[in-house]
Amino acid sequence: MKVKPLDERVLVKPIEQEERVGSIIIPDTAKEKPMTGEIVAVGTDEDLQKIVKVGDKVIFGKYAGEEIKIAGEKHLIVPRSDILATFVD
């Protein structure tokens, strides 16, 4: 299934990072929500399409977006205002 965000929203796949303390792996319930992700789709707003594109890695607010599942994987629909920065190579 394909999802196309509307207006000034992007579809982001959060980048999960394994957390360890020594040799102990922190369980999912104790982890903080990821704040980085990869853009999977960009909304219909032309200005937004000039700023970010599919494949960009972004930093977004801690509690940003609406969580959805696509093909069993967690994704977020995030408004433009919650994208804080992009990673520059």
C-alpha atoms as a PDB file:
ATOM      1  CA  MET A   1       0.000   0.000   0.000  1.00  0.00           C
ATOM      2  CA  LYS A   2       1.258   3.503  -0.841  1.00  0.00           C
ATOM      3  CA  VAL A   3       0.502   6.515   1.319  1.00  0.00           C
ATOM      4  CA  LYS A   4       0.740  10.075  -0.035  1.00  0.00           C
ATOM      5  CA  PRO A   5       0.639  12.755   2.693  1.00  0.00           C
ATOM      6  CA  LEU A   6      -1.420  15.864   1.996  1.00  0.00           C
ATOM      7  CA  ASP A   7      -0.465  19.533   2.228  1.00  0.00           C
ATOM      8  CA  GLU A   8       2.538  20.293   4.461  1.00  0.00           C
ATOM      9  CA  ARG A   9       3.072  16.783   5.837  1.00  0.00           C
ATOM     10  CA  VAL A  10       5.694  14.114   5.284  1.00  0.00           C
ATOM     11  CA  LEU A  11       5.662  10.363   5.813  1.00  0.00           C
ATOM     12  CA  VAL A  12       8.668   9.382   7.935  1.00  0.00           C
ATOM     13  CA  LYS A  13      10.013   5.960   8.841  1.00  0.00           C
ATOM     14  CA  PRO A  14      11.589   6.298  12.300  1.00  0.00           C
ATOM     15  CA  ILE A  15      15.158   5.043  12.625  1.00  0.00           C
ATOM     16  CA  GLU A  16      15.255   2.729  15.616  1.00  0.00           C
ATOM     17  CA  GLN A  17      18.572   2.522  17.439  1.00  0.00           C
ATOM     18  CA  GLU A  18      19.405  -0.379  19.703  1.00  0.00           C
ATOM     19  CA  GLU A  19      20.193   0.849  23.183  1.00  0.00           C
ATOM     20  CA  ARG A  20      22.577  -0.985  25.478  1.00  0.00           C
ATOM     21  CA  VAL A  21      23.907  -0.333  28.931  1.00  0.00           C
ATOM     22  CA  GLY A  22      26.991  -2.507  29.167  1.00  0.00           C
ATOM     23  CA  SER A  23      25.761  -5.924  28.078  1.00  0.00           C
ATOM     24  CA  ILE A  24      22.111  -5.231  28.954  1.00  0.00           C
ATOM     25  CA  ILE A  25      19.732  -4.456  26.087  1.00  0.00           C
ATOM     26  CA  ILE A  26      17.091  -1.891  27.009  1.00  0.00           C
ATOM     27  CA  PRO A  27      13.550  -3.202  26.248  1.00  0.00           C
ATOM     28  CA  ASP A  28      11.254  -1.267  23.894  1.00  0.00           C
ATOM     29  CA  THR A  29       8.964  -0.191  26.727  1.00  0.00           C
ATOM     30  CA  ALA A  30      11.815   1.637  28.487  1.00  0.00           C
ATOM     31  CA  LYS A  31      13.255   3.325  25.387  1.00  0.00           C
ATOM     32  CA  GLU A  32      12.607   6.899  24.399  1.00  0.00           C
ATOM     33  CA  LYS A  33      10.830   7.476  21.108  1.00  0.00           C
ATOM     34  CA  PRO A  34      13.219   7.935  18.174  1.00  0.00           C
ATOM     35  CA  MET A  35      13.628  11.512  16.996  1.00  0.00           C
ATOM     36  CA  THR A  36      15.299  10.734  13.674  1.00  0.00           C
ATOM     37  CA  GLY A  37      13.882   9.160  10.559  1.00  0.00           C
ATOM     38  CA  GLU A  38      13.972   8.852   6.807  1.00  0.00           C
ATOM     39  CA  ILE A  39      11.418  10.578   4.600  1.00  0.00           C
ATOM     40  CA  VAL A  40       9.369   8.052   2.634  1.00  0.00           C
ATOM     41  CA  ALA A  41       6.909  10.467   0.966  1.00  0.00           C
ATOM     42  CA  VAL A  42       6.410  14.236   0.780  1.00  0.00           C
ATOM     43  CA  GLY A  43       3.051  16.025   0.809  1.00  0.00           C
ATOM     44  CA  THR A  44       1.500  18.041  -1.978  1.00  0.00           C
ATOM     45  CA  ASP A  45       2.806  21.459  -0.871  1.00  0.00           C
ATOM     46  CA  GLU A  46       5.233  22.769  -3.532  1.00  0.00           C
ATOM     47  CA  ASP A  47       7.341  24.780  -1.056  1.00  0.00           C
ATOM     48  CA  LEU A  48       7.809  21.697   1.135  1.00  0.00           C
ATOM     49  CA  GLN A  49       8.913  19.655  -1.893  1.00  0.00           C
ATOM     50  CA  LYS A  50      11.724  22.186  -2.462  1.00  0.00           C
ATOM     51  CA  ILE A  51      12.945  21.836   1.137  1.00  0.00           C
ATOM     52  CA  VAL A  52      12.901  18.058   1.680  1.00  0.00           C
ATOM     53  CA  LYS A  53      12.790  15.032  -0.602  1.00  0.00           C
ATOM     54  CA  VAL A  54      12.307  11.294  -0.322  1.00  0.00           C
ATOM     55  CA  GLY A  55      15.363   9.672   1.258  1.00  0.00           C
ATOM     56  CA  ASP A  56      16.375  12.683   3.383  1.00  0.00           C
ATOM     57  CA  LYS A  57      17.201  11.931   7.004  1.00  0.00           C
ATOM     58  CA  VAL A  58      15.476  14.330   9.397  1.00  0.00           C
ATOM     59  CA  ILE A  59      15.211  15.189  13.062  1.00  0.00           C
ATOM     60  CA  PHE A  60      11.682  15.767  14.326  1.00  0.00           C
ATOM     61  CA  GLY A  61      10.068  16.677  17.633  1.00  0.00           C
ATOM     62  CA  LYS A  62       9.945  14.017  20.344  1.00  0.00           C
ATOM     63  CA  TYR A  63       6.165  13.673  20.306  1.00  0.00           C
ATOM     64  CA  ALA A  64       5.620  14.711  16.687  1.00  0.00           C
ATOM     65  CA  GLY A  65       3.243  13.186  14.203  1.00  0.00           C
ATOM     66  CA  GLU A  66       0.603  10.522  14.042  1.00  0.00           C
ATOM     67  CA  GLU A  67       1.790   6.927  14.149  1.00  0.00           C
ATOM     68  CA  ILE A  68       0.502   4.528  11.488  1.00  0.00           C
ATOM     69  CA  LYS A  69       1.499   1.047  10.353  1.00  0.00           C
ATOM     70  CA  ILE A  70       2.198   0.271   6.713  1.00  0.00           C
ATOM     71  CA  ALA A  71       2.902  -3.367   5.856  1.00  0.00           C
ATOM     72  CA  GLY A  72       3.489  -4.025   9.553  1.00  0.00           C
ATOM     73  CA  GLU A  73       6.149  -1.298   9.911  1.00  0.00           C
ATOM     74  CA  LYS A  74       5.794   1.810  12.064  1.00  0.00           C
ATOM     75  CA  HIS A  75       5.664   5.165  10.229  1.00  0.00           C
ATOM     76  CA  LEU A  76       4.793   8.719  11.239  1.00  0.00           C
ATOM     77  CA  ILE A  77       2.859  11.383   9.386  1.00  0.00           C
ATOM     78  CA  VAL A  78       4.630  14.543  10.526  1.00  0.00           C
ATOM     79  CA  PRO A  79       3.606  18.151   9.831  1.00  0.00           C
ATOM     80  CA  ARG A  80       6.231  20.464   8.358  1.00  0.00           C
ATOM     81  CA  SER A  81       6.360  22.502  11.586  1.00  0.00           C
ATOM     82  CA  ASP A  82       7.562  19.440  13.565  1.00  0.00           C
ATOM     83  CA  ILE A  83      10.586  18.809  11.324  1.00  0.00           C
ATOM     84  CA  LEU A  84      13.446  20.471  13.153  1.00  0.00           C
ATOM     85  CA  ALA A  85      16.412  19.754  10.869  1.00  0.00           C
ATOM     86  CA  THR A  86      17.790  17.625   8.051  1.00  0.00           C
ATOM     87  CA  PHE A  87      21.123  15.806   8.041  1.00  0.00           C
ATOM     88  CA  VAL A  88      23.589  17.338   5.582  1.00  0.00           C
ATOM     89  CA  ASP A  89      26.342  15.198   4.076  1.00  0.00           C
END
